[in-house]
Protein backbone atom coordinates (compact mmCIF):
# COMPACT_ATOMS: atom_id res chain seq x y z
CA MET A 1 58.79 9.60 -23.52
CA ASP A 2 58.33 12.71 -24.65
CA ARG A 3 57.62 14.80 -21.62
CA GLU A 4 54.73 17.17 -22.71
CA PHE A 5 52.62 13.98 -23.95
CA ILE A 6 53.18 12.02 -20.50
CA HIS A 7 51.53 15.55 -19.30
CA GLU A 8 48.99 15.02 -21.49
CA ILE A 9 48.08 11.47 -20.46
CA LYS A 10 47.99 12.51 -17.22
CA LEU A 11 46.07 15.21 -17.78
CA MET A 12 43.58 12.70 -19.40
CA LYS A 13 43.72 10.27 -16.40
CA THR A 14 42.97 13.18 -13.96
CA GLU A 15 39.39 14.20 -16.26
CA PHE A 16 38.30 10.65 -16.73
CA PHE A 17 38.52 10.05 -12.88
CA ARG A 18 36.70 13.24 -12.27
CA SER A 19 34.43 11.95 -14.58
CA LEU A 20 33.69 8.70 -12.72
CA ILE A 21 33.18 10.70 -9.68
CA LEU A 22 30.99 12.76 -11.37
CA ILE A 23 28.73 10.50 -12.65
CA GLY A 24 28.85 8.52 -8.95
CA PHE A 25 28.03 11.49 -7.53
CA VAL A 26 24.98 12.16 -9.62
CA PHE A 27 24.00 8.43 -9.35
CA PHE A 28 24.32 8.17 -5.29
CA SER A 29 22.54 11.92 -5.10
CA ASN A 30 19.20 10.56 -7.61
CA HIS A 31 19.04 7.57 -4.93
CA LEU A 32 18.80 9.61 -2.04
CA ASN A 33 16.13 12.00 -4.04
CA ALA A 34 14.26 8.87 -4.57
CA GLN A 35 14.75 7.28 -0.58
CA GLY A 36 13.28 4.06 -1.18
CA TRP A 37 11.78 4.09 -4.22
CA THR A 38 12.78 2.16 -7.25
CA GLN A 39 10.93 1.19 -10.28
CA ILE A 40 11.00 -2.74 -11.18
CA SER A 41 9.20 -4.70 -14.11
CA ASP A 42 6.44 -2.89 -15.81
CA PHE A 43 2.61 -3.94 -15.65
CA PRO A 44 2.62 -6.90 -18.17
CA SER A 45 -0.15 -5.57 -20.41
CA THR A 46 -2.18 -2.46 -21.62
CA ALA A 47 -1.88 0.71 -19.75
CA ARG A 48 -4.89 0.99 -17.60
CA ASP A 49 -6.20 2.90 -14.56
CA ASP A 50 -8.96 1.43 -11.84
CA GLY A 51 -7.94 -1.96 -11.62
CA THR A 52 -7.77 -3.54 -8.91
CA TYR A 53 -6.09 -6.48 -6.62
CA PHE A 54 -5.74 -8.86 -4.18
CA THR A 55 -3.22 -10.72 -2.32
CA ILE A 56 -2.49 -14.48 -1.41
CA GLY A 57 0.56 -15.04 0.33
CA SER A 58 3.69 -13.59 -1.47
CA ILE A 59 1.38 -13.29 -4.48
CA THR A 60 -0.69 -10.45 -5.28
CA TYR A 61 -2.92 -10.83 -8.31
CA CYS A 62 -3.67 -7.70 -10.22
CA GLY A 63 -6.52 -6.99 -13.12
CA THR A 64 -9.31 -5.14 -14.71
CA GLY A 65 -9.70 -1.34 -14.81
CA LEU A 66 -10.08 1.07 -18.14
CA ASN A 67 -7.34 0.78 -20.77
CA SER A 68 -6.18 3.05 -23.51
CA SER A 69 -8.67 2.75 -25.79
CA TRP A 70 -11.22 3.78 -22.53
CA ASN A 71 -12.89 -0.27 -22.65
CA PRO A 72 -12.97 -2.03 -19.74
CA THR A 73 -11.13 -5.36 -19.22
CA ASN A 74 -11.40 -8.39 -17.58
CA ASP A 75 -7.43 -9.78 -18.09
CA PHE A 76 -5.42 -10.45 -14.45
CA TYR A 77 -1.63 -10.85 -13.60
CA ALA A 78 0.60 -12.59 -10.99
CA PHE A 79 2.92 -10.12 -9.00
CA ASP A 80 5.07 -12.18 -7.19
CA MET A 81 6.65 -9.93 -4.13
CA ILE A 82 9.46 -11.99 -3.94
CA SER A 83 10.99 -12.46 -7.40
CA GLU A 84 9.42 -9.06 -8.35
CA SER A 85 8.25 -10.82 -11.41
CA TRP A 86 4.61 -11.02 -13.29
CA SER A 87 3.10 -13.87 -14.82
CA THR A 88 -0.45 -14.27 -16.68
CA ILE A 89 -3.42 -16.23 -14.96
CA SER A 90 -6.77 -16.97 -16.07
CA GLU A 91 -8.83 -14.28 -17.20
CA LEU A 92 -12.60 -13.32 -16.13
CA PRO A 93 -15.42 -14.90 -18.36
CA THR A 94 -15.67 -12.90 -21.65
CA ASN A 95 -18.39 -10.94 -20.88
CA GLU A 96 -17.16 -9.91 -17.32
CA SER A 97 -14.74 -7.19 -18.21
CA ARG A 98 -14.93 -3.93 -15.98
CA GLN A 99 -13.84 -1.01 -13.94
CA TYR A 100 -14.07 0.51 -10.73
CA SER A 101 -14.23 -2.76 -8.88
CA ASN A 102 -13.26 -4.20 -5.51
CA ALA A 103 -11.03 -7.09 -4.65
CA PHE A 104 -10.26 -8.97 -1.22
CA SER A 105 -8.70 -12.82 -0.39
CA SER A 106 -8.65 -15.21 2.51
CA SER A 107 -5.68 -17.32 2.58
CA THR A 108 -6.42 -19.53 -0.16
CA HIS A 109 -8.42 -17.93 -2.63
CA GLY A 110 -9.09 -14.55 -4.25
CA PHE A 111 -12.75 -13.04 -4.54
CA LEU A 112 -13.89 -9.84 -7.02
CA PHE A 113 -17.08 -7.61 -6.50
CA GLY A 114 -19.05 -5.33 -8.39
CA GLY A 115 -17.62 -2.37 -10.09
CA LEU A 116 -19.17 -0.84 -13.82
CA ASN A 117 -18.99 -1.96 -17.62
CA ALA A 118 -21.28 -1.83 -20.49
CA THR A 119 -23.88 -3.51 -18.91
CA GLY A 120 -24.15 -0.97 -15.52
CA TYR A 121 -23.53 -0.98 -12.40
CA LEU A 122 -22.33 -4.52 -10.92
CA ASN A 123 -23.40 -6.39 -7.74
CA ASP A 124 -22.10 -9.62 -8.95
CA LEU A 125 -19.24 -11.83 -6.90
CA TRP A 126 -16.73 -13.94 -8.54
CA LYS A 127 -13.83 -16.41 -6.52
CA TYR A 128 -10.52 -17.17 -7.87
CA ASP A 129 -8.75 -20.49 -7.06
CA PRO A 130 -5.04 -20.12 -7.60
CA ILE A 131 -4.60 -24.45 -7.92
CA LEU A 132 -7.22 -24.72 -10.50
CA ASP A 133 -6.63 -21.11 -12.07
CA THR A 134 -10.49 -21.16 -12.21
CA TRP A 135 -12.88 -18.34 -11.56
CA THR A 136 -16.45 -19.26 -10.09
CA GLU A 137 -19.54 -17.20 -9.55
CA LEU A 138 -20.86 -16.66 -6.04
CA THR A 139 -23.69 -15.46 -4.08
CA PRO A 140 -23.89 -11.47 -5.80
CA MET A 141 -24.93 -8.60 -2.79
CA PRO A 142 -28.20 -8.16 -2.05
CA SER A 143 -28.55 -4.96 -3.08
CA VAL A 144 -28.37 -2.71 -6.37
CA GLY A 145 -24.72 -2.86 -8.26
CA ARG A 146 -22.47 -0.46 -7.81
CA SER A 147 -19.02 0.94 -8.52
CA GLY A 148 -16.27 2.72 -6.80
CA ALA A 149 -17.29 1.10 -3.51
CA SER A 150 -14.04 0.74 -0.52
CA CYS A 151 -13.10 -2.67 0.45
CA PHE A 152 -11.19 -4.47 3.71
CA THR A 153 -10.99 -7.23 5.15
CA ILE A 154 -11.24 -8.79 9.32
CA GLY A 155 -10.61 -12.32 9.50
CA ASP A 156 -13.21 -13.98 7.80
CA THR A 157 -15.36 -10.98 6.55
CA ALA A 158 -14.97 -8.70 3.80
CA TYR A 159 -16.65 -5.27 4.24
CA ILE A 160 -17.79 -3.29 0.81
CA VAL A 161 -18.35 0.30 1.93
CA GLY A 162 -20.25 3.26 0.14
CA GLY A 163 -19.59 3.42 -3.93
CA GLN A 164 -21.50 4.62 -6.64
CA THR A 165 -24.80 3.40 -7.82
CA GLN A 166 -26.81 3.62 -11.34
CA ASN A 167 -28.47 6.95 -10.63
CA ASN A 168 -24.82 8.36 -9.89
CA ALA A 169 -25.53 8.78 -6.33
CA ALA A 170 -22.71 8.17 -3.66
CA VAL A 171 -23.99 5.70 -0.58
CA SER A 172 -23.49 5.20 2.60
CA GLU A 173 -24.33 1.70 2.94
CA VAL A 174 -21.78 -0.89 4.33
CA TRP A 175 -22.16 -4.48 3.51
CA SER A 176 -20.25 -7.61 4.93
CA TYR A 177 -19.29 -10.67 3.23
CA SER A 178 -18.96 -14.07 4.99
CA ILE A 179 -16.31 -15.38 2.78
CA SER A 180 -16.84 -19.28 4.70
CA GLY A 181 -20.50 -18.64 4.66
CA ASP A 182 -21.08 -17.02 1.34
CA SER A 183 -23.08 -14.76 2.48
CA TRP A 184 -23.96 -11.17 3.11
CA ILE A 185 -25.26 -8.60 6.18
CA GLN A 186 -25.99 -5.15 6.40
CA LYS A 187 -24.27 -3.05 8.90
CA ASN A 188 -24.33 0.11 10.19
CA THR A 189 -23.92 2.88 7.61
CA LEU A 190 -21.04 4.94 6.95
CA PRO A 191 -21.25 8.56 8.40
CA ASP A 192 -20.85 9.72 4.80
CA SER A 193 -22.42 8.72 1.51
CA LEU A 194 -18.79 8.34 -0.82
CA TRP A 195 -17.13 6.64 -3.63
CA ARG A 196 -13.61 6.33 -4.71
CA ALA A 197 -12.78 6.34 -0.93
CA SER A 198 -9.43 4.53 0.23
CA ALA A 199 -9.54 1.47 2.64
CA THR A 200 -7.44 -1.09 4.21
CA SER A 201 -7.78 -2.95 7.75
CA HIS A 202 -4.97 -3.26 10.59
CA GLN A 203 -5.52 -5.61 13.94
CA GLY A 204 -8.99 -6.04 13.65
CA LYS A 205 -10.09 -2.91 12.78
CA GLY A 206 -11.05 -1.07 9.27
CA TYR A 207 -9.78 2.22 8.03
CA LEU A 208 -11.38 4.59 5.38
CA VAL A 209 -10.01 8.29 4.26
CA PHE A 210 -10.93 10.22 1.40
CA GLY A 211 -13.74 9.85 -1.46
CA ALA A 212 -16.46 12.25 -2.98
CA ASN A 213 -19.71 13.19 -1.90
CA ASN A 214 -23.40 13.48 -3.84
CA SER A 215 -22.14 17.43 -3.61
CA GLY A 216 -18.96 17.10 -5.12
CA VAL A 217 -16.82 17.42 -2.42
CA TYR A 218 -13.95 15.50 -1.99
CA GLN A 219 -13.46 14.79 1.53
CA ASN A 220 -10.42 14.40 3.70
CA LYS A 221 -11.80 12.41 6.55
CA LEU A 222 -10.15 9.57 8.04
CA TYR A 223 -12.92 6.94 9.68
CA GLN A 224 -12.24 3.86 11.56
CA TYR A 225 -14.69 1.12 12.03
CA THR A 226 -14.43 -1.35 14.99
CA PRO A 227 -16.70 -4.46 13.55
CA LEU A 228 -17.35 -5.81 17.40
CA THR A 229 -19.67 -2.99 18.36
CA ASP A 230 -20.37 -2.09 14.42
CA THR A 231 -19.38 1.53 15.22
CA TRP A 232 -17.54 4.14 12.96
CA LEU A 233 -15.20 6.68 14.82
CA GLN A 234 -14.00 9.51 13.34
CA LEU A 235 -10.28 10.15 13.74
CA SER A 236 -7.42 13.22 13.01
CA ASN A 237 -8.29 14.45 9.25
CA PHE A 238 -5.73 14.94 6.44
CA PRO A 239 -3.74 17.88 6.59
CA GLY A 240 -4.78 18.58 3.12
CA VAL A 241 -7.71 18.90 0.47
CA GLY A 242 -9.55 15.73 0.31
CA ARG A 243 -8.56 13.17 -2.66
CA THR A 244 -10.28 10.61 -4.61
CA TYR A 245 -8.35 7.58 -6.58
CA SER A 246 -5.48 7.73 -3.95
CA GLY A 247 -3.61 4.28 -3.44
CA ILE A 248 -3.08 2.80 0.17
CA GLY A 249 -1.30 0.40 2.43
CA ILE A 250 0.19 -1.02 5.64
CA LEU A 251 3.88 -0.80 6.62
CA SER A 252 3.88 -1.75 10.49
CA ASP A 253 1.48 0.01 12.24
CA GLU A 254 1.05 2.83 9.56
CA ILE A 255 -1.32 3.76 6.53
CA ILE A 256 0.51 4.59 3.64
CA LEU A 257 -1.62 6.93 1.35
CA VAL A 258 -0.12 7.19 -2.18
CA ALA A 259 -0.83 10.15 -4.85
CA GLY A 260 -4.39 11.07 -5.55
CA ARG A 261 -6.37 13.21 -7.59
CA ASP A 262 -8.24 16.76 -5.46
CA SER A 263 -11.61 18.24 -6.63
CA ILE A 264 -10.14 20.43 -9.21
CA GLY A 265 -8.50 18.22 -11.18
CA ASN A 266 -4.51 17.98 -9.57
CA SER A 267 -3.17 15.22 -9.07
CA TYR A 268 -0.47 14.13 -6.61
CA ASN A 269 2.66 12.06 -6.56
CA ASP A 270 3.11 12.11 -2.72
CA MET A 271 3.61 9.59 -0.24
CA TRP A 272 1.94 9.77 3.27
CA GLU A 273 2.09 7.91 6.38
CA TYR A 274 -0.45 7.97 9.26
CA SER A 275 0.55 6.41 12.63
CA ILE A 276 -2.18 4.42 14.00
CA THR A 277 -1.00 4.62 17.14
CA SER A 278 -0.32 8.01 17.70
CA ASP A 279 -3.16 9.01 15.16
CA ASN A 280 -0.75 11.53 13.53
CA TRP A 281 -0.17 12.22 9.92
CA ILE A 282 3.46 12.76 8.56
CA LEU A 283 4.09 13.51 4.78
CA SER A 284 6.79 11.38 3.38
CA VAL A 285 8.85 10.25 0.11
CA ASN A 286 7.47 11.41 -3.02
CA LEU A 287 7.18 8.81 -5.87
CA PRO A 288 10.01 10.03 -8.28
CA SER A 289 7.82 10.09 -11.46
CA ASN A 290 4.87 12.07 -12.73
CA GLN A 291 1.66 13.09 -10.67
CA ARG A 292 -1.10 10.36 -11.03
CA ARG A 293 -3.91 8.39 -9.58
CA GLY A 294 -6.59 5.63 -10.13
CA GLY A 295 -2.95 3.35 -10.12
CA ILE A 296 -3.04 -0.49 -8.13
CA CYS A 297 -1.35 -0.04 -4.93
CA PHE A 298 -0.59 -3.17 -2.28
CA SER A 299 1.94 -3.73 0.08
CA SER A 300 4.17 -6.54 1.87
CA ASN A 301 5.74 -6.24 5.36
CA THR A 302 8.74 -4.19 4.21
CA ALA A 303 7.19 -2.57 1.02
CA ILE A 304 5.06 -0.81 -0.62
CA TYR A 305 3.95 -1.16 -4.48
CA TYR A 306 1.97 1.42 -6.48
CA SER A 307 1.39 -0.24 -10.46
CA THR A 308 -0.51 1.53 -13.31
CA GLY A 309 -2.67 4.57 -13.04
CA ILE A 310 -3.22 7.80 -15.40
CA ASP A 311 -1.26 10.73 -14.57
CA LEU A 312 -1.95 14.66 -15.22
CA ASN A 313 -2.10 13.99 -19.37
CA ASP A 314 -4.65 11.77 -19.05
CA THR A 315 -2.07 9.06 -20.18
CA ARG A 316 -2.66 5.75 -18.90
CA LEU A 317 0.49 3.97 -17.20
CA THR A 318 2.02 0.58 -16.86
CA GLU A 319 4.89 1.88 -14.17
CA THR A 320 5.62 -0.31 -11.39
CA TRP A 321 6.93 1.16 -8.37
CA LYS A 322 8.25 0.00 -5.33
CA TYR A 323 8.96 2.23 -1.88
CA ASP A 324 11.14 -0.21 0.17
CA LEU A 325 11.37 0.69 3.79
CA PHE A 326 14.79 -0.86 4.55
CA LEU A 327 16.25 1.36 1.67
CA SER A 328 14.36 4.23 2.41
CA THR A 329 16.82 7.49 3.43
CA LYS A 330 13.68 9.84 5.20
CA THR A 331 15.35 9.24 8.90
CA GLU A 332 18.86 9.52 9.60
CA THR A 333 20.71 6.32 9.93
CA TRP A 334 21.40 5.90 14.00
CA ASN A 335 23.54 3.70 16.05
CA GLU A 336 23.76 5.48 19.27
CA PHE A 337 21.78 2.94 21.58
CA ILE A 338 21.97 -0.28 22.72
CA VAL A 339 19.18 -3.50 22.82
CA TYR A 340 19.77 -5.62 25.85
CA PRO A 341 19.40 -8.47 27.27
CA ASN A 342 20.92 -9.87 23.76
CA PRO A 343 20.46 -13.07 23.51
CA ALA A 344 16.75 -11.92 25.18
CA LYS A 345 13.99 -14.31 26.01
CA ASP A 346 10.83 -12.81 28.04
CA PHE A 347 11.85 -9.00 27.39
CA LEU A 348 14.05 -6.20 25.93
CA ARG A 349 14.66 -2.78 26.93
CA ILE A 350 16.50 -0.01 24.62
CA LYS A 351 19.15 2.43 26.37
CA SER A 352 20.23 5.68 24.60
CA SER A 353 22.41 8.44 25.81
CA SER A 354 20.86 10.88 22.76
CA ILE A 355 17.48 10.93 22.79
CA GLU A 356 14.81 10.48 25.36
CA GLY A 357 10.76 9.92 24.67
CA GLY A 358 8.94 7.51 22.64
CA LEU A 359 9.75 5.39 19.98
CA HIS A 360 8.43 3.12 18.08
CA TYR A 361 9.81 -1.05 17.20
CA GLN A 362 9.56 -3.39 14.79
CA ILE A 363 10.76 -7.07 15.50
CA SER A 364 10.73 -9.14 12.13
CA SER A 365 12.47 -12.14 10.91
CA LEU A 366 15.45 -11.95 8.48
CA ASP A 367 13.22 -12.37 5.58
CA GLY A 368 11.12 -9.51 6.67
CA THR A 369 8.10 -10.83 8.23
CA ILE A 370 7.09 -8.74 11.32
CA ILE A 371 6.61 -9.98 14.57
CA GLN A 372 5.62 -7.62 16.48
CA SER A 373 5.53 -3.79 16.70
CA GLY A 374 4.74 -1.10 18.90
CA LYS A 375 6.13 1.60 21.03
CA THR A 376 8.06 2.18 23.90
CA ASP A 377 10.09 4.76 26.11
CA ILE A 378 13.90 4.67 26.77
CA GLU A 379 14.31 1.77 29.46
CA LYS A 380 10.87 0.72 29.53
CA SER A 381 10.72 -3.07 29.35
CA ILE A 382 9.48 -4.68 25.45
CA GLN A 383 7.68 -7.63 26.80
CA LEU A 384 8.24 -10.53 23.79
CA ASN A 385 5.34 -12.50 22.68
CA PRO A 386 5.70 -16.15 22.46
CA ILE A 387 8.66 -16.29 19.54
CA GLU A 388 10.27 -18.95 18.06
CA LYS A 389 14.02 -19.18 19.16
CA GLY A 390 16.54 -17.44 16.59
CA ASN A 391 17.95 -14.67 14.87
CA TYR A 392 15.65 -11.38 14.34
CA LEU A 393 15.78 -7.83 13.25
CA ILE A 394 15.06 -5.20 15.72
CA THR A 395 13.97 -1.78 13.73
CA ILE A 396 14.12 1.49 16.41
CA GLN A 397 12.82 4.66 15.28
CA SER A 398 12.04 8.09 16.63
CA GLU A 399 10.78 11.30 14.72
CA SER A 400 14.09 11.83 12.41
CA GLN A 401 16.17 8.89 13.38
CA ARG A 402 15.91 5.28 12.16
CA SER A 403 18.36 2.39 13.15
CA THR A 404 18.18 -2.13 12.97
CA LYS A 405 20.28 -4.57 14.97
CA LYS A 406 20.30 -7.74 14.93
CA ILE A 407 19.13 -9.60 18.16
CA VAL A 408 18.87 -13.05 19.15
CA ILE A 409 16.07 -14.67 21.04
CA PHE A 410 16.11 -18.05 22.95
C-alpha cells in the first residue's frame, strides 16, 4: 500500500479521535456547569405561569395558572417522581379555572384553595380524590376571597397566609384549616401584609420568605411560624433584594429557593439554600436556562423540580427541570473519613484527619428516603433513632466537601 495513503489514513484517525475527545470534553464541561440540574419531560399541556401543586406520596399533581392567551386554566396533571413521567387527571369543574391559587395535601387527598379568575377573588376549597379521580367542594374560608396567598401544612392542619383581596390590598391574615375536621380558625397575623410570598414547612414549623407589601416593597425577610405558640419569629434575612414569584422546596434540613422577580422587574435563574440548623444562606447552583418567575416548584427527598413559569420576555414555558442532590458537583467529592462502628446498632461516629468542626449528616435508605439528619462534630456520637435493620447511605457534608458511604445497621 502507498506510504502517502497510509499516512493520510493515520491523520484521519488522529483527527477523528481528537474530535471525540473534544466532544466528550464539551459534554463533560456542560455537565459540570449544570451541577445537578437536568432537563426532563416538559409539562404536558399549554405553557403557563402562576400554577400550583400538591403531593401525595411519590406523585405530584400540578395545574391551574395563566396560559399564553392570558386565560386562567382548570386542568391538572400527575407527575410521577419515580418514573418522572406525566399523566392527565380530571380537571376542576368547567367554571373553576383560576391562577394564584394554593394547594396542599394529606396522605390521601389533595386540596385547592382560592385564587383569581374572571369572577373575582376566590375563597373556595376543593378536595381531590386520586382513587376516584374526582373533585369535591368543601367548606370555604370564612373571609373574603384572595389570590397569591402562601400555604404550608403541619400535620393535619394547613395554613393560608396573606394574599391579595378584591381591593388590591395585601393582607396579613393567617387562617388554619383542619383537614380532618373541614373547619377554619383564624390565627395570629403575620408581621407583614404580603402577597406572592413563598412558604413551606419542616419538622413541625412553617417558613415564609419574600412577598410584596401594600407599598410595593418586595421583602427579603424570612419568618418561622410555631403552631404550638401561634407565633412568628424573624430569622436571617435573604442576602439580596426582595422578590416575589419564587419557587420553594425542602432538601434535608435546607430550604431551597429558585428564581423569582425583584421590584424593578428583573427575573432570576439562581438557586439559594437556607440551612435551618445554622440559620445561614448559601448561593447554590444556577438553573441552566433563562431567568424566570411564577413556576411550579416541588421536592422529593433527594431532588427539587421546577416546571413552567414565565421568562424575561414574558414568554410562558413548559420546561421542567430537576436538581438532583446526588448528582450535584457544587462540592468536592471527599473520601477521607471513617464511619464507625460499621455495622452499627445504637450510634455512629465520624473520624477524619483532614477536617475539623461541624458537619451535616444525612442517613437515607437506598431509594433516597431520608431516615435521619442533623449536625454533628468529628468523633461525636450520632445517636441512631430506632431504624430497621438493613443497608443505608450516610452523606457527610462540610462547607466545601461532601461524600457518601454505605453503612449497615443491625
